[in-house]
Amino acid sequence: MQHTIIEFSKGNPGAMAFLMELANIGKTYPETAQFAFFKINDLKSLRGTNLYVLWSDLCGKDMDKVVHLLRECPGHILEDACNRQDYSGRALVEAYLTQLDN
């Protein structure tokens, strides 16, 4: 797990904090954490800063929102949203987050 966290975080402390949080969730909800790690592994651009953007900028550090986006948002849209470091990616995933609120 430590190797995965280092590899995925690409030296970004925010991404590392997110991955550590995800690993901690895995102690209580292993299926959820396992799904999230597999999905992140599949979406190759979700590394480093892009992971931090997913967790912090798009989801307000709410892990339920992160897992929901990983499940429901098409990969190409999620990757595009995470590549944007100016908060404009929020508009791309807003419809998927609205589903969570309903």
C-alpha atoms as a PDB file:
ATOM      1  CA  MET A   1       0.000   0.000   0.000  1.00  0.00           C
ATOM      2  CA  GLN A   2       2.828   2.407   0.845  1.00  0.00           C
ATOM      3  CA  HIS A   3       4.344   1.963  -2.625  1.00  0.00           C
ATOM      4  CA  THR A   4       0.960   2.651  -4.254  1.00  0.00           C
ATOM      5  CA  ILE A   5       0.457   5.830  -2.229  1.00  0.00           C
ATOM      6  CA  ILE A   6       3.912   7.118  -3.127  1.00  0.00           C
ATOM      7  CA  GLU A   7       3.475   6.230  -6.798  1.00  0.00           C
ATOM      8  CA  PHE A   8      -0.007   7.731  -7.145  1.00  0.00           C
ATOM      9  CA  SER A   9       0.744  10.900  -5.161  1.00  0.00           C
ATOM     10  CA  LYS A  10       3.731  11.849  -7.371  1.00  0.00           C
ATOM     11  CA  GLY A  11       5.185  13.855  -4.483  1.00  0.00           C
ATOM     12  CA  ASN A  12       2.065  15.965  -3.975  1.00  0.00           C
ATOM     13  CA  PRO A  13       1.343  16.219  -0.225  1.00  0.00           C
ATOM     14  CA  GLY A  14      -2.370  16.860  -0.795  1.00  0.00           C
ATOM     15  CA  ALA A  15      -2.672  13.773  -2.980  1.00  0.00           C
ATOM     16  CA  MET A  16      -0.808  11.792  -0.347  1.00  0.00           C
ATOM     17  CA  ALA A  17      -3.215  13.009   2.351  1.00  0.00           C
ATOM     18  CA  PHE A  18      -6.157  11.958   0.172  1.00  0.00           C
ATOM     19  CA  LEU A  19      -4.710   8.498  -0.431  1.00  0.00           C
ATOM     20  CA  MET A  20      -3.971   8.039   3.275  1.00  0.00           C
ATOM     21  CA  GLU A  21      -7.570   8.991   4.044  1.00  0.00           C
ATOM     22  CA  LEU A  22      -8.751   6.467   1.468  1.00  0.00           C
ATOM     23  CA  ALA A  23      -6.524   3.793   3.008  1.00  0.00           C
ATOM     24  CA  ASN A  24      -7.993   4.569   6.443  1.00  0.00           C
ATOM     25  CA  ILE A  25     -11.516   4.228   5.073  1.00  0.00           C
ATOM     26  CA  GLY A  26     -10.444   0.838   3.780  1.00  0.00           C
ATOM     27  CA  LYS A  27     -10.101  -0.383   7.356  1.00  0.00           C
ATOM     28  CA  THR A  28     -13.848   0.049   7.843  1.00  0.00           C
ATOM     29  CA  TYR A  29     -15.113  -0.228   4.262  1.00  0.00           C
ATOM     30  CA  PRO A  30     -12.588  -2.360   2.373  1.00  0.00           C
ATOM     31  CA  GLU A  31     -14.787  -2.841  -0.710  1.00  0.00           C
ATOM     32  CA  THR A  32     -15.240   0.904  -1.137  1.00  0.00           C
ATOM     33  CA  ALA A  33     -11.540   1.671  -0.805  1.00  0.00           C
ATOM     34  CA  GLN A  34     -10.599  -1.219  -3.075  1.00  0.00           C
ATOM     35  CA  PHE A  35     -13.024   0.011  -5.756  1.00  0.00           C
ATOM     36  CA  ALA A  36     -11.632   3.556  -5.500  1.00  0.00           C
ATOM     37  CA  PHE A  37      -8.006   2.419  -5.766  1.00  0.00           C
ATOM     38  CA  PHE A  38      -8.819   0.224  -8.783  1.00  0.00           C
ATOM     39  CA  LYS A  39     -10.705   3.043 -10.513  1.00  0.00           C
ATOM     40  CA  ILE A  40      -7.889   5.513  -9.836  1.00  0.00           C
ATOM     41  CA  ASN A  41      -5.433   2.969 -11.212  1.00  0.00           C
ATOM     42  CA  ASP A  42      -7.524   2.676 -14.398  1.00  0.00           C
ATOM     43  CA  LEU A  43      -7.683   6.448 -14.890  1.00  0.00           C
ATOM     44  CA  LYS A  44      -3.997   7.031 -15.534  1.00  0.00           C
ATOM     45  CA  SER A  45      -4.152  10.829 -15.405  1.00  0.00           C
ATOM     46  CA  LEU A  46      -5.492  10.752 -11.833  1.00  0.00           C
ATOM     47  CA  ARG A  47      -2.117  11.123 -10.205  1.00  0.00           C
ATOM     48  CA  GLY A  48      -0.450  13.789  -8.098  1.00  0.00           C
ATOM     49  CA  THR A  49      -2.088  17.188  -8.322  1.00  0.00           C
ATOM     50  CA  ASN A  50      -5.062  15.772 -10.227  1.00  0.00           C
ATOM     51  CA  LEU A  51      -5.902  13.515  -7.278  1.00  0.00           C
ATOM     52  CA  TYR A  52      -5.769  16.482  -4.960  1.00  0.00           C
ATOM     53  CA  VAL A  53      -8.041  18.456  -7.303  1.00  0.00           C
ATOM     54  CA  LEU A  54     -10.529  15.560  -7.259  1.00  0.00           C
ATOM     55  CA  TRP A  55     -10.576  15.334  -3.487  1.00  0.00           C
ATOM     56  CA  SER A  56     -10.312  18.991  -2.523  1.00  0.00           C
ATOM     57  CA  ASP A  57     -11.541  21.186  -5.357  1.00  0.00           C
ATOM     58  CA  LEU A  58     -14.248  18.987  -6.860  1.00  0.00           C
ATOM     59  CA  CYS A  59     -15.454  17.171  -3.733  1.00  0.00           C
ATOM     60  CA  GLY A  60     -14.619  19.504  -0.844  1.00  0.00           C
ATOM     61  CA  LYS A  61     -12.612  16.695   0.819  1.00  0.00           C
ATOM     62  CA  ASP A  62     -15.803  14.628   1.110  1.00  0.00           C
ATOM     63  CA  MET A  63     -14.867  10.989   0.492  1.00  0.00           C
ATOM     64  CA  ASP A  64     -18.479  10.005  -0.236  1.00  0.00           C
ATOM     65  CA  LYS A  65     -18.473  12.494  -3.109  1.00  0.00           C
ATOM     66  CA  VAL A  66     -15.130  11.184  -4.373  1.00  0.00           C
ATOM     67  CA  VAL A  67     -16.372   7.596  -4.430  1.00  0.00           C
ATOM     68  CA  HIS A  68     -19.632   8.685  -6.043  1.00  0.00           C
ATOM     69  CA  LEU A  69     -17.785  10.507  -8.836  1.00  0.00           C
ATOM     70  CA  LEU A  70     -15.505   7.530  -9.377  1.00  0.00           C
ATOM     71  CA  ARG A  71     -18.598   5.316  -9.719  1.00  0.00           C
ATOM     72  CA  GLU A  72     -20.912   7.544 -11.729  1.00  0.00           C
ATOM     73  CA  CYS A  73     -18.904  10.061 -13.729  1.00  0.00           C
ATOM     74  CA  PRO A  74     -17.513   8.848 -17.055  1.00  0.00           C
ATOM     75  CA  GLY A  75     -13.735   8.572 -16.868  1.00  0.00           C
ATOM     76  CA  HIS A  76     -12.978  11.044 -19.650  1.00  0.00           C
ATOM     77  CA  ILE A  77     -15.115  13.738 -17.993  1.00  0.00           C
ATOM     78  CA  LEU A  78     -13.599  13.112 -14.573  1.00  0.00           C
ATOM     79  CA  GLU A  79     -10.064  13.214 -15.961  1.00  0.00           C
ATOM     80  CA  ASP A  80     -10.808  16.477 -17.796  1.00  0.00           C
ATOM     81  CA  ALA A  81     -12.296  18.012 -14.632  1.00  0.00           C
ATOM     82  CA  CYS A  82      -9.289  16.974 -12.533  1.00  0.00           C
ATOM     83  CA  ASN A  83      -6.863  18.389 -15.102  1.00  0.00           C
ATOM     84  CA  ARG A  84      -8.327  21.849 -14.525  1.00  0.00           C
ATOM     85  CA  GLN A  85      -6.704  23.554 -11.593  1.00  0.00           C
ATOM     86  CA  ASP A  86      -8.846  26.671 -11.701  1.00  0.00           C
ATOM     87  CA  TYR A  87     -12.074  25.164 -10.302  1.00  0.00           C
ATOM     88  CA  SER A  88     -13.657  25.142 -13.777  1.00  0.00           C
ATOM     89  CA  GLY A  89     -13.815  21.341 -13.542  1.00  0.00           C
ATOM     90  CA  ARG A  90     -16.641  21.673 -11.032  1.00  0.00           C
ATOM     91  CA  ALA A  91     -19.051  22.534 -13.828  1.00  0.00           C
ATOM     92  CA  LEU A  92     -18.125  19.316 -15.646  1.00  0.00           C
ATOM     93  CA  VAL A  93     -19.027  17.067 -12.701  1.00  0.00           C
ATOM     94  CA  GLU A  94     -21.813  19.128 -11.143  1.00  0.00           C
ATOM     95  CA  ALA A  95     -24.597  17.002 -12.631  1.00  0.00           C
ATOM     96  CA  TYR A  96     -23.069  13.838 -11.138  1.00  0.00           C
ATOM     97  CA  LEU A  97     -22.730  15.430  -7.691  1.00  0.00           C
ATOM     98  CA  THR A  98     -26.325  16.631  -7.877  1.00  0.00           C
ATOM     99  CA  GLN A  99     -27.372  12.970  -8.228  1.00  0.00           C
ATOM    100  CA  LEU A 100     -25.747  12.300  -4.851  1.00  0.00           C
ATOM    101  CA  ASP A 101     -27.761  15.058  -3.161  1.00  0.00           C
ATOM    102  CA  ASN A 102     -31.084  13.642  -4.388  1.00  0.00           C
END
